Amino acid sequence: MAAFEHRQAEEIRRGKDFVQLKNGPFDLDLVFAPDGIETFAEAWARRVEVEGFPVCHIDDIIRSKAATHRQKDIESLPRLRAFRTWLKGR
Protein backbone atom coordinates (compact mmCIF):
# COMPACT_ATOMS: atom_id res chain seq x y z
CA MET A 1 0.00 0.00 0.00
CA ALA A 2 1.39 3.40 -0.96
CA ALA A 3 2.07 5.90 1.83
CA PHE A 4 -0.83 8.10 0.66
CA GLU A 5 -3.29 5.19 0.73
CA HIS A 6 -1.99 4.07 4.13
CA ARG A 7 -2.53 7.58 5.54
CA GLN A 8 -6.08 7.66 4.17
CA ALA A 9 -6.84 4.23 5.63
CA GLU A 10 -5.58 5.40 9.03
CA GLU A 11 -7.72 8.55 8.86
CA ILE A 12 -10.80 6.44 8.13
CA ARG A 13 -10.04 4.01 10.99
CA ARG A 14 -9.47 6.93 13.38
CA GLY A 15 -12.86 8.40 12.50
CA LYS A 16 -11.58 11.67 11.09
CA ASP A 17 -14.59 13.92 10.32
CA PHE A 18 -13.81 14.23 6.62
CA VAL A 19 -11.60 12.25 4.24
CA GLN A 20 -11.18 12.98 0.53
CA LEU A 21 -10.26 10.13 -1.81
CA LYS A 22 -8.94 11.43 -5.13
CA ASN A 23 -7.05 8.46 -6.51
CA GLY A 24 -9.90 6.61 -8.24
CA PRO A 25 -12.00 7.23 -11.33
CA PHE A 26 -13.79 10.06 -9.46
CA ASP A 27 -13.34 12.05 -6.25
CA LEU A 28 -15.08 10.66 -3.19
CA ASP A 29 -15.70 12.54 0.06
CA LEU A 30 -16.29 10.47 3.19
CA VAL A 31 -18.05 12.59 5.80
CA PHE A 32 -18.45 10.99 9.20
CA ALA A 33 -20.19 13.84 11.03
CA PRO A 34 -22.12 15.91 8.48
CA ASP A 35 -23.69 19.20 9.48
CA GLY A 36 -27.48 19.09 9.72
CA ILE A 37 -27.67 15.36 10.53
CA GLU A 38 -28.43 14.71 14.18
CA THR A 39 -27.50 11.03 14.44
CA PHE A 40 -26.20 8.31 12.21
CA ALA A 41 -29.10 6.06 13.25
CA GLU A 42 -31.67 8.56 11.99
CA ALA A 43 -29.86 9.07 8.69
CA TRP A 44 -29.37 5.32 8.29
CA ALA A 45 -33.11 4.75 8.77
CA ARG A 46 -33.78 7.14 5.84
CA ARG A 47 -31.08 5.75 3.51
CA VAL A 48 -31.89 4.58 0.02
CA GLU A 49 -30.29 1.82 -2.02
CA VAL A 50 -28.72 2.74 -5.35
CA GLU A 51 -27.54 -0.29 -7.29
CA GLY A 52 -27.14 -2.17 -4.01
CA PHE A 53 -25.16 0.60 -2.33
CA PRO A 54 -26.64 2.54 0.64
CA VAL A 55 -26.63 6.32 0.20
CA CYS A 56 -28.05 9.24 2.14
CA HIS A 57 -31.60 10.26 1.35
CA ILE A 58 -31.73 13.38 -0.81
CA ASP A 59 -33.49 15.28 2.01
CA ASP A 60 -30.54 14.57 4.32
CA ILE A 61 -28.08 15.73 1.66
CA ILE A 62 -30.03 18.97 1.20
CA ARG A 63 -30.32 19.47 4.97
CA SER A 64 -26.58 18.95 5.39
CA LYS A 65 -25.62 21.29 2.55
CA ALA A 66 -27.92 24.00 3.92
CA ALA A 67 -26.48 23.63 7.43
CA THR A 68 -22.86 24.18 6.34
CA HIS A 69 -23.52 27.79 5.26
CA ARG A 70 -20.61 27.45 2.80
CA GLN A 71 -21.09 29.39 -0.42
CA LYS A 72 -20.40 26.41 -2.69
CA ASP A 73 -22.96 24.32 -0.79
CA ILE A 74 -25.57 27.08 -0.86
CA GLU A 75 -25.03 27.39 -4.62
CA SER A 76 -25.68 23.65 -5.05
CA LEU A 77 -29.05 23.76 -3.26
CA PRO A 78 -31.23 24.75 -6.26
CA ARG A 79 -29.80 21.84 -8.30
CA LEU A 80 -30.25 19.41 -5.42
CA ARG A 81 -33.84 20.56 -4.87
CA ALA A 82 -34.56 20.21 -8.60
CA PHE A 83 -33.08 16.71 -8.49
CA ARG A 84 -35.33 15.85 -5.52
CA THR A 85 -38.34 17.02 -7.52
CA TRP A 86 -37.23 14.90 -10.46
CA LEU A 87 -36.78 11.85 -8.19
CA LYS A 88 -40.30 12.23 -6.80
CA GLY A 89 -41.77 12.49 -10.30
CA ARG A 90 -40.26 9.39 -11.83
PDB file of N, CA and C in Angstrom:
ATOM      1  N   MET A   1       0.857  -1.179   0.000  1.00  0.00           N
ATOM      2  CA  MET A   1       0.000   0.000   0.000  1.00  0.00           C
ATOM      3  C   MET A   1       0.899   1.237   0.000  1.00  0.00           C
ATOM      4  N   ALA A   2       0.619   2.160  -0.883  1.00  0.00           N
ATOM      5  CA  ALA A   2       1.388   3.398  -0.955  1.00  0.00           C
ATOM      6  C   ALA A   2       1.183   4.215   0.312  1.00  0.00           C
ATOM      7  N   ALA A   3       2.136   5.081   0.617  1.00  0.00           N
ATOM      8  CA  ALA A   3       2.069   5.898   1.832  1.00  0.00           C
ATOM      9  C   ALA A   3       0.795   6.723   1.879  1.00  0.00           C
ATOM     10  N   PHE A   4       0.389   7.287   0.727  1.00  0.00           N
ATOM     11  CA  PHE A   4      -0.827   8.103   0.664  1.00  0.00           C
ATOM     12  C   PHE A   4      -2.051   7.265   1.024  1.00  0.00           C
ATOM     13  N   GLU A   5      -2.151   6.058   0.447  1.00  0.00           N
ATOM     14  CA  GLU A   5      -3.290   5.191   0.734  1.00  0.00           C
ATOM     15  C   GLU A   5      -3.284   4.739   2.187  1.00  0.00           C
ATOM     16  N   HIS A   6      -2.095   4.480   2.728  1.00  0.00           N
ATOM     17  CA  HIS A   6      -1.987   4.070   4.131  1.00  0.00           C
ATOM     18  C   HIS A   6      -2.483   5.198   5.052  1.00  0.00           C
ATOM     19  N   ARG A   7      -2.100   6.435   4.735  1.00  0.00           N
ATOM     20  CA  ARG A   7      -2.530   7.585   5.545  1.00  0.00           C
ATOM     21  C   ARG A   7      -4.046   7.728   5.488  1.00  0.00           C
ATOM     22  N   GLN A   8      -4.632   7.564   4.297  1.00  0.00           N
ATOM     23  CA  GLN A   8      -6.078   7.659   4.171  1.00  0.00           C
ATOM     24  C   GLN A   8      -6.765   6.549   4.964  1.00  0.00           C
ATOM     25  N   ALA A   9      -6.262   5.347   4.883  1.00  0.00           N
ATOM     26  CA  ALA A   9      -6.842   4.226   5.633  1.00  0.00           C
ATOM     27  C   ALA A   9      -6.790   4.505   7.133  1.00  0.00           C
ATOM     28  N   GLU A  10      -5.703   5.068   7.607  1.00  0.00           N
ATOM     29  CA  GLU A  10      -5.580   5.404   9.029  1.00  0.00           C
ATOM     30  C   GLU A  10      -6.581   6.491   9.424  1.00  0.00           C
ATOM     31  N   GLU A  11      -6.758   7.488   8.568  1.00  0.00           N
ATOM     32  CA  GLU A  11      -7.721   8.555   8.860  1.00  0.00           C
ATOM     33  C   GLU A  11      -9.135   7.983   8.973  1.00  0.00           C
ATOM     34  N   ILE A  12      -9.474   7.058   8.102  1.00  0.00           N
ATOM     35  CA  ILE A  12     -10.802   6.442   8.133  1.00  0.00           C
ATOM     36  C   ILE A  12     -10.964   5.625   9.409  1.00  0.00           C
ATOM     37  N   ARG A  13      -9.972   4.828   9.758  1.00  0.00           N
ATOM     38  CA  ARG A  13     -10.043   4.015  10.987  1.00  0.00           C
ATOM     39  C   ARG A  13     -10.149   4.893  12.234  1.00  0.00           C
ATOM     40  N   ARG A  14      -9.458   6.018  12.239  1.00  0.00           N
ATOM     41  CA  ARG A  14      -9.471   6.928  13.380  1.00  0.00           C
ATOM     42  C   ARG A  14     -10.807   7.652  13.518  1.00  0.00           C
ATOM     43  N   GLY A  15     -11.573   7.702  12.451  1.00  0.00           N
ATOM     44  CA  GLY A  15     -12.857   8.396  12.496  1.00  0.00           C
ATOM     45  C   GLY A  15     -12.736   9.875  12.233  1.00  0.00           C
ATOM     46  N   LYS A  16     -11.722  10.264  11.464  1.00  0.00           N
ATOM     47  CA  LYS A  16     -11.582  11.669  11.087  1.00  0.00           C
ATOM     48  C   LYS A  16     -12.907  12.149  10.494  1.00  0.00           C
ATOM     49  N   ASP A  17     -13.294  13.393  10.766  1.00  0.00           N
ATOM     50  CA  ASP A  17     -14.589  13.916  10.325  1.00  0.00           C
ATOM     51  C   ASP A  17     -14.773  13.879   8.814  1.00  0.00           C
ATOM     52  N   PHE A  18     -13.686  14.068   8.057  1.00  0.00           N
ATOM     53  CA  PHE A  18     -13.808  14.233   6.623  1.00  0.00           C
ATOM     54  C   PHE A  18     -12.557  13.697   5.943  1.00  0.00           C
ATOM     55  N   VAL A  19     -12.733  12.798   4.991  1.00  0.00           N
ATOM     56  CA  VAL A  19     -11.604  12.246   4.239  1.00  0.00           C
ATOM     57  C   VAL A  19     -11.934  12.363   2.758  1.00  0.00           C
ATOM     58  N   GLN A  20     -11.005  12.889   1.982  1.00  0.00           N
ATOM     59  CA  GLN A  20     -11.177  12.978   0.530  1.00  0.00           C
ATOM     60  C   GLN A  20     -10.329  11.909  -0.138  1.00  0.00           C
ATOM     61  N   LEU A  21     -10.959  11.137  -1.015  1.00  0.00           N
ATOM     62  CA  LEU A  21     -10.257  10.132  -1.808  1.00  0.00           C
ATOM     63  C   LEU A  21     -10.243  10.622  -3.244  1.00  0.00           C
ATOM     64  N   LYS A  22      -9.056  10.856  -3.784  1.00  0.00           N
ATOM     65  CA  LYS A  22      -8.943  11.427  -5.129  1.00  0.00           C
ATOM     66  C   LYS A  22      -8.119  10.548  -6.056  1.00  0.00           C
ATOM     67  N   ASN A  23      -7.929   9.290  -5.696  1.00  0.00           N
ATOM     68  CA  ASN A  23      -7.053   8.458  -6.507  1.00  0.00           C
ATOM     69  C   ASN A  23      -7.812   7.392  -7.305  1.00  0.00           C
ATOM     70  N   GLY A  24      -9.108   7.561  -7.467  1.00  0.00           N
ATOM     71  CA  GLY A  24      -9.898   6.613  -8.244  1.00  0.00           C
ATOM     72  C   GLY A  24     -10.434   7.267  -9.496  1.00  0.00           C
ATOM     73  N   PRO A  25     -11.434   6.666 -10.099  1.00  0.00           N
ATOM     74  CA  PRO A  25     -11.996   7.233 -11.331  1.00  0.00           C
ATOM     75  C   PRO A  25     -12.775   8.528 -11.092  1.00  0.00           C
ATOM     76  N   PHE A  26     -13.121   8.808  -9.831  1.00  0.00           N
ATOM     77  CA  PHE A  26     -13.794  10.059  -9.464  1.00  0.00           C
ATOM     78  C   PHE A  26     -13.446  10.377  -8.016  1.00  0.00           C
ATOM     79  N   ASP A  27     -13.593  11.637  -7.628  1.00  0.00           N
ATOM     80  CA  ASP A  27     -13.336  12.048  -6.251  1.00  0.00           C
ATOM     81  C   ASP A  27     -14.459  11.546  -5.356  1.00  0.00           C
ATOM     82  N   LEU A  28     -14.100  11.144  -4.154  1.00  0.00           N
ATOM     83  CA  LEU A  28     -15.081  10.657  -3.191  1.00  0.00           C
ATOM     84  C   LEU A  28     -14.802  11.311  -1.848  1.00  0.00           C
ATOM     85  N   ASP A  29     -15.813  11.936  -1.271  1.00  0.00           N
ATOM     86  CA  ASP A  29     -15.703  12.540   0.059  1.00  0.00           C
ATOM     87  C   ASP A  29     -16.404  11.636   1.059  1.00  0.00           C
ATOM     88  N   LEU A  30     -15.692  11.226   2.091  1.00  0.00           N
ATOM     89  CA  LEU A  30     -16.288  10.472   3.188  1.00  0.00           C
ATOM     90  C   LEU A  30     -16.481  11.449   4.341  1.00  0.00           C
ATOM     91  N   VAL A  31     -17.723  11.647   4.734  1.00  0.00           N
ATOM     92  CA  VAL A  31     -18.048  12.586   5.796  1.00  0.00           C
ATOM     93  C   VAL A  31     -18.668  11.790   6.928  1.00  0.00           C
ATOM     94  N   PHE A  32     -18.008  11.807   8.079  1.00  0.00           N
ATOM     95  CA  PHE A  32     -18.446  10.987   9.197  1.00  0.00           C
ATOM     96  C   PHE A  32     -19.350  11.735  10.174  1.00  0.00           C
ATOM     97  N   ALA A  33     -19.343  13.049  10.134  1.00  0.00           N
ATOM     98  CA  ALA A  33     -20.186  13.843  11.030  1.00  0.00           C
ATOM     99  C   ALA A  33     -20.730  15.040  10.256  1.00  0.00           C
ATOM    100  N   PRO A  34     -21.645  14.801   9.301  1.00  0.00           N
ATOM    101  CA  PRO A  34     -22.121  15.909   8.476  1.00  0.00           C
ATOM    102  C   PRO A  34     -22.988  16.896   9.250  1.00  0.00           C
ATOM    103  N   ASP A  35     -22.834  18.162   8.903  1.00  0.00           N
ATOM    104  CA  ASP A  35     -23.692  19.200   9.476  1.00  0.00           C
ATOM    105  C   ASP A  35     -25.141  18.895   9.115  1.00  0.00           C
ATOM    106  N   GLY A  36     -26.058  19.233   9.999  1.00  0.00           N
ATOM    107  CA  GLY A  36     -27.476  19.086   9.719  1.00  0.00           C
ATOM    108  C   GLY A  36     -28.043  17.696   9.932  1.00  0.00           C
ATOM    109  N   ILE A  37     -27.218  16.733  10.277  1.00  0.00           N
ATOM    110  CA  ILE A  37     -27.665  15.360  10.526  1.00  0.00           C
ATOM    111  C   ILE A  37     -27.453  15.099  12.013  1.00  0.00           C
ATOM    112  N   GLU A  38     -28.531  14.869  12.732  1.00  0.00           N
ATOM    113  CA  GLU A  38     -28.435  14.708  14.185  1.00  0.00           C
ATOM    114  C   GLU A  38     -27.697  13.437  14.589  1.00  0.00           C
ATOM    115  N   THR A  39     -28.144  12.294  14.060  1.00  0.00           N
ATOM    116  CA  THR A  39     -27.498  11.034  14.441  1.00  0.00           C
ATOM    117  C   THR A  39     -27.376  10.132  13.219  1.00  0.00           C
ATOM    118  N   PHE A  40     -26.381   9.285  13.268  1.00  0.00           N
ATOM    119  CA  PHE A  40     -26.197   8.310  12.209  1.00  0.00           C
ATOM    120  C   PHE A  40     -27.418   7.400  12.109  1.00  0.00           C
ATOM    121  N   ALA A  41     -27.958   6.988  13.253  1.00  0.00           N
ATOM    122  CA  ALA A  41     -29.097   6.060  13.254  1.00  0.00           C
ATOM    123  C   ALA A  41     -30.290   6.645  12.494  1.00  0.00           C
ATOM    124  N   GLU A  42     -30.563   7.927  12.696  1.00  0.00           N
ATOM    125  CA  GLU A  42     -31.675   8.562  11.987  1.00  0.00           C
ATOM    126  C   GLU A  42     -31.410   8.622  10.489  1.00  0.00           C
ATOM    127  N   ALA A  43     -30.202   9.002  10.111  1.00  0.00           N
ATOM    128  CA  ALA A  43     -29.860   9.073   8.690  1.00  0.00           C
ATOM    129  C   ALA A  43     -29.881   7.675   8.074  1.00  0.00           C
ATOM    130  N   TRP A  44     -29.395   6.688   8.800  1.00  0.00           N
ATOM    131  CA  TRP A  44     -29.373   5.315   8.289  1.00  0.00           C
ATOM    132  C   TRP A  44     -30.795   4.808   8.047  1.00  0.00           C
ATOM    133  N   ALA A  45     -31.714   5.183   8.914  1.00  0.00           N
ATOM    134  CA  ALA A  45     -33.108   4.750   8.765  1.00  0.00           C
ATOM    135  C   ALA A  45     -33.740   5.335   7.492  1.00  0.00           C
ATOM    136  N   ARG A  46     -33.235   6.481   7.039  1.00  0.00           N
ATOM    137  CA  ARG A  46     -33.782   7.140   5.844  1.00  0.00           C
ATOM    138  C   ARG A  46     -32.998   6.809   4.572  1.00  0.00           C
ATOM    139  N   ARG A  47     -31.943   6.024   4.669  1.00  0.00           N
ATOM    140  CA  ARG A  47     -31.081   5.746   3.514  1.00  0.00           C
ATOM    141  C   ARG A  47     -31.887   5.127   2.368  1.00  0.00           C
ATOM    142  N   VAL A  48     -31.329   5.236   1.191  1.00  0.00           N
ATOM    143  CA  VAL A  48     -31.894   4.577   0.015  1.00  0.00           C
ATOM    144  C   VAL A  48     -30.804   3.698  -0.590  1.00  0.00           C
ATOM    145  N   GLU A  49     -31.228   2.702  -1.340  1.00  0.00           N
ATOM    146  CA  GLU A  49     -30.286   1.818  -2.017  1.00  0.00           C
ATOM    147  C   GLU A  49     -30.178   2.250  -3.480  1.00  0.00           C
ATOM    148  N   VAL A  50     -28.979   2.418  -3.955  1.00  0.00           N
ATOM    149  CA  VAL A  50     -28.722   2.739  -5.351  1.00  0.00           C
ATOM    150  C   VAL A  50     -27.771   1.669  -5.876  1.00  0.00           C
ATOM    151  N   GLU A  51     -28.307   0.819  -6.725  1.00  0.00           N
ATOM    152  CA  GLU A  51     -27.540  -0.288  -7.287  1.00  0.00           C
ATOM    153  C   GLU A  51     -26.873  -1.115  -6.187  1.00  0.00           C
ATOM    154  N   GLY A  52     -27.630  -1.352  -5.110  1.00  0.00           N
ATOM    155  CA  GLY A  52     -27.144  -2.174  -4.012  1.00  0.00           C
ATOM    156  C   GLY A  52     -26.226  -1.469  -3.030  1.00  0.00           C
ATOM    157  N   PHE A  53     -26.064  -0.171  -3.178  1.00  0.00           N
ATOM    158  CA  PHE A  53     -25.159   0.602  -2.326  1.00  0.00           C
ATOM    159  C   PHE A  53     -25.974   1.594  -1.503  1.00  0.00           C
ATOM    160  N   PRO A  54     -25.851   1.590  -0.173  1.00  0.00           N
ATOM    161  CA  PRO A  54     -26.635   2.535   0.640  1.00  0.00           C
ATOM    162  C   PRO A  54     -26.097   3.966   0.515  1.00  0.00           C
ATOM    163  N   VAL A  55     -27.003   4.905   0.280  1.00  0.00           N
ATOM    164  CA  VAL A  55     -26.633   6.322   0.198  1.00  0.00           C
ATOM    165  C   VAL A  55     -27.614   7.148   1.020  1.00  0.00           C
ATOM    166  N   CYS A  56     -27.185   8.336   1.387  1.00  0.00           N
ATOM    167  CA  CYS A  56     -28.051   9.243   2.143  1.00  0.00           C
ATOM    168  C   CYS A  56     -29.277   9.601   1.314  1.00  0.00           C
ATOM    169  N   HIS A  57     -30.377   9.773   1.987  1.00  0.00           N
ATOM    170  CA  HIS A  57     -31.597  10.258   1.350  1.00  0.00           C
ATOM    171  C   HIS A  57     -31.352  11.681   0.869  1.00  0.00           C
ATOM    172  N   ILE A  58     -31.931  12.049  -0.248  1.00  0.00           N
ATOM    173  CA  ILE A  58     -31.733  13.383  -0.815  1.00  0.00           C
ATOM    174  C   ILE A  58     -32.113  14.485   0.174  1.00  0.00           C
ATOM    175  N   ASP A  59     -33.121  14.263   1.014  1.00  0.00           N
ATOM    176  CA  ASP A  59     -33.493  15.277   2.011  1.00  0.00           C
ATOM    177  C   ASP A  59     -32.368  15.496   3.018  1.00  0.00           C
ATOM    178  N   ASP A  60     -31.669  14.422   3.392  1.00  0.00           N
ATOM    179  CA  ASP A  60     -30.538  14.569   4.318  1.00  0.00           C
ATOM    180  C   ASP A  60     -29.379  15.300   3.661  1.00  0.00           C
ATOM    181  N   ILE A  61     -29.153  15.029   2.376  1.00  0.00           N
ATOM    182  CA  ILE A  61     -28.081  15.728   1.661  1.00  0.00           C
ATOM    183  C   ILE A  61     -28.392  17.215   1.598  1.00  0.00           C
ATOM    184  N   ILE A  62     -29.628  17.559   1.265  1.00  0.00           N
ATOM    185  CA  ILE A  62     -30.035  18.966   1.199  1.00  0.00           C
ATOM    186  C   ILE A  62     -29.915  19.615   2.576  1.00  0.00           C
ATOM    187  N   ARG A  63     -30.397  18.939   3.599  1.00  0.00           N
ATOM    188  CA  ARG A  63     -30.320  19.474   4.966  1.00  0.00           C
ATOM    189  C   ARG A  63     -28.865  19.736   5.366  1.00  0.00           C
ATOM    190  N   SER A  64     -27.990  18.806   5.034  1.00  0.00           N
ATOM    191  CA  SER A  64     -26.584  18.950   5.386  1.00  0.00           C
ATOM    192  C   SER A  64     -25.924  20.104   4.635  1.00  0.00           C
ATOM    193  N   LYS A  65     -26.193  20.193   3.341  1.00  0.00           N
ATOM    194  CA  LYS A  65     -25.620  21.289   2.550  1.00  0.00           C
ATOM    195  C   LYS A  65     -26.098  22.644   3.065  1.00  0.00           C
ATOM    196  N   ALA A  66     -27.384  22.741   3.414  1.00  0.00           N
ATOM    197  CA  ALA A  66     -27.920  24.004   3.925  1.00  0.00           C
ATOM    198  C   ALA A  66     -27.295  24.366   5.271  1.00  0.00           C
ATOM    199  N   ALA A  67     -27.005  23.375   6.088  1.00  0.00           N
ATOM    200  CA  ALA A  67     -26.476  23.627   7.432  1.00  0.00           C
ATOM    201  C   ALA A  67     -25.015  24.078   7.429  1.00  0.00           C
ATOM    202  N   THR A  68     -24.276  23.809   6.351  1.00  0.00           N
ATOM    203  CA  THR A  68     -22.861  24.182   6.340  1.00  0.00           C
ATOM    204  C   THR A  68     -22.657  25.685   6.220  1.00  0.00           C
ATOM    205  N   HIS A  69     -23.602  26.345   5.530  1.00  0.00           N
ATOM    206  CA  HIS A  69     -23.524  27.787   5.264  1.00  0.00           C
ATOM    207  C   HIS A  69     -22.314  28.156   4.398  1.00  0.00           C
ATOM    208  N   ARG A  70     -21.709  27.157   3.723  1.00  0.00           N
ATOM    209  CA  ARG A  70     -20.611  27.447   2.804  1.00  0.00           C
ATOM    210  C   ARG A  70     -21.200  27.877   1.466  1.00  0.00           C
ATOM    211  N   GLN A  71     -20.575  28.855   0.836  1.00  0.00           N
ATOM    212  CA  GLN A  71     -21.087  29.393  -0.416  1.00  0.00           C
ATOM    213  C   GLN A  71     -21.276  28.307  -1.470  1.00  0.00           C
ATOM    214  N   LYS A  72     -20.276  27.432  -1.635  1.00  0.00           N
ATOM    215  CA  LYS A  72     -20.401  26.410  -2.686  1.00  0.00           C
ATOM    216  C   LYS A  72     -21.546  25.442  -2.396  1.00  0.00           C
ATOM    217  N   ASP A  73     -21.842  25.190  -1.124  1.00  0.00           N
ATOM    218  CA  ASP A  73     -22.963  24.316  -0.787  1.00  0.00           C
ATOM    219  C   ASP A  73     -24.290  25.024  -1.002  1.00  0.00           C
ATOM    220  N   ILE A  74     -24.351  26.292  -0.639  1.00  0.00           N
ATOM    221  CA  ILE A  74     -25.569  27.077  -0.860  1.00  0.00           C
ATOM    222  C   ILE A  74     -25.879  27.154  -2.353  1.00  0.00           C
ATOM    223  N   GLU A  75     -24.835  27.319  -3.170  1.00  0.00           N
ATOM    224  CA  GLU A  75     -25.034  27.388  -4.619  1.00  0.00           C
ATOM    225  C   GLU A  75     -25.529  26.067  -5.197  1.00  0.00           C
ATOM    226  N   SER A  76     -25.241  24.960  -4.536  1.00  0.00           N
ATOM    227  CA  SER A  76     -25.677  23.652  -5.050  1.00  0.00           C
ATOM    228  C   SER A  76     -27.127  23.338  -4.675  1.00  0.00           C
ATOM    229  N   LEU A  77     -27.709  24.081  -3.733  1.00  0.00           N
ATOM    230  CA  LEU A  77     -29.054  23.763  -3.256  1.00  0.00           C
ATOM    231  C   LEU A  77     -30.140  23.797  -4.335  1.00  0.00           C
ATOM    232  N   PRO A  78     -30.184  24.780  -5.218  1.00  0.00           N
ATOM    233  CA  PRO A  78     -31.227  24.746  -6.256  1.00  0.00           C
ATOM    234  C   PRO A  78     -31.150  23.490  -7.129  1.00  0.00           C
ATOM    235  N   ARG A  79     -29.938  23.058  -7.485  1.00  0.00           N
ATOM    236  CA  ARG A  79     -29.797  21.840  -8.302  1.00  0.00           C
ATOM    237  C   ARG A  79     -30.224  20.612  -7.520  1.00  0.00           C
ATOM    238  N   LEU A  80     -29.858  20.548  -6.243  1.00  0.00           N
ATOM    239  CA  LEU A  80     -30.252  19.406  -5.422  1.00  0.00           C
ATOM    240  C   LEU A  80     -31.766  19.360  -5.235  1.00  0.00           C
ATOM    241  N   ARG A  81     -32.377  20.514  -5.033  1.00  0.00           N
ATOM    242  CA  ARG A  81     -33.842  20.556  -4.873  1.00  0.00           C
ATOM    243  C   ARG A  81     -34.538  20.167  -6.178  1.00  0.00           C
ATOM    244  N   ALA A  82     -33.992  20.602  -7.307  1.00  0.00           N
ATOM    245  CA  ALA A  82     -34.556  20.208  -8.596  1.00  0.00           C
ATOM    246  C   ALA A  82     -34.410  18.696  -8.800  1.00  0.00           C
ATOM    247  N   PHE A  83     -33.289  18.143  -8.383  1.00  0.00           N
ATOM    248  CA  PHE A  83     -33.077  16.706  -8.486  1.00  0.00           C
ATOM    249  C   PHE A  83     -34.066  15.951  -7.601  1.00  0.00           C
ATOM    250  N   ARG A  84     -34.337  16.472  -6.403  1.00  0.00           N
ATOM    251  CA  ARG A  84     -35.329  15.849  -5.519  1.00  0.00           C
ATOM    252  C   ARG A  84     -36.697  15.844  -6.183  1.00  0.00           C
ATOM    253  N   THR A  85     -37.065  16.959  -6.807  1.00  0.00           N
ATOM    254  CA  THR A  85     -38.344  17.023  -7.515  1.00  0.00           C
ATOM    255  C   THR A  85     -38.389  15.990  -8.633  1.00  0.00           C
ATOM    256  N   TRP A  86     -37.310  15.872  -9.390  1.00  0.00           N
ATOM    257  CA  TRP A  86     -37.231  14.897 -10.460  1.00  0.00           C
ATOM    258  C   TRP A  86     -37.382  13.470  -9.909  1.00  0.00           C
ATOM    259  N   LEU A  87     -36.700  13.180  -8.795  1.00  0.00           N
ATOM    260  CA  LEU A  87     -36.779  11.848  -8.194  1.00  0.00           C
ATOM    261  C   LEU A  87     -38.220  11.507  -7.810  1.00  0.00           C
ATOM    262  N   LYS A  88     -38.924  12.472  -7.239  1.00  0.00           N
ATOM    263  CA  LYS A  88     -40.305  12.231  -6.799  1.00  0.00           C
ATOM    264  C   LYS A  88     -41.229  12.014  -7.988  1.00  0.00           C
ATOM    265  N   GLY A  89     -40.903  12.594  -9.155  1.00  0.00           N
ATOM    266  CA  GLY A  89     -41.768  12.492 -10.302  1.00  0.00           C
ATOM    267  C   GLY A  89     -41.550  11.274 -11.187  1.00  0.00           C
ATOM    268  N   ARG A  90     -40.501  10.510 -10.912  1.00  0.00           N
ATOM    269  CA  ARG A  90     -40.260   9.388 -11.826  1.00  0.00           C
ATOM    270  C   ARG A  90     -40.970   8.135 -11.416  1.00  0.00           C
TER     271      ARG A  90
END
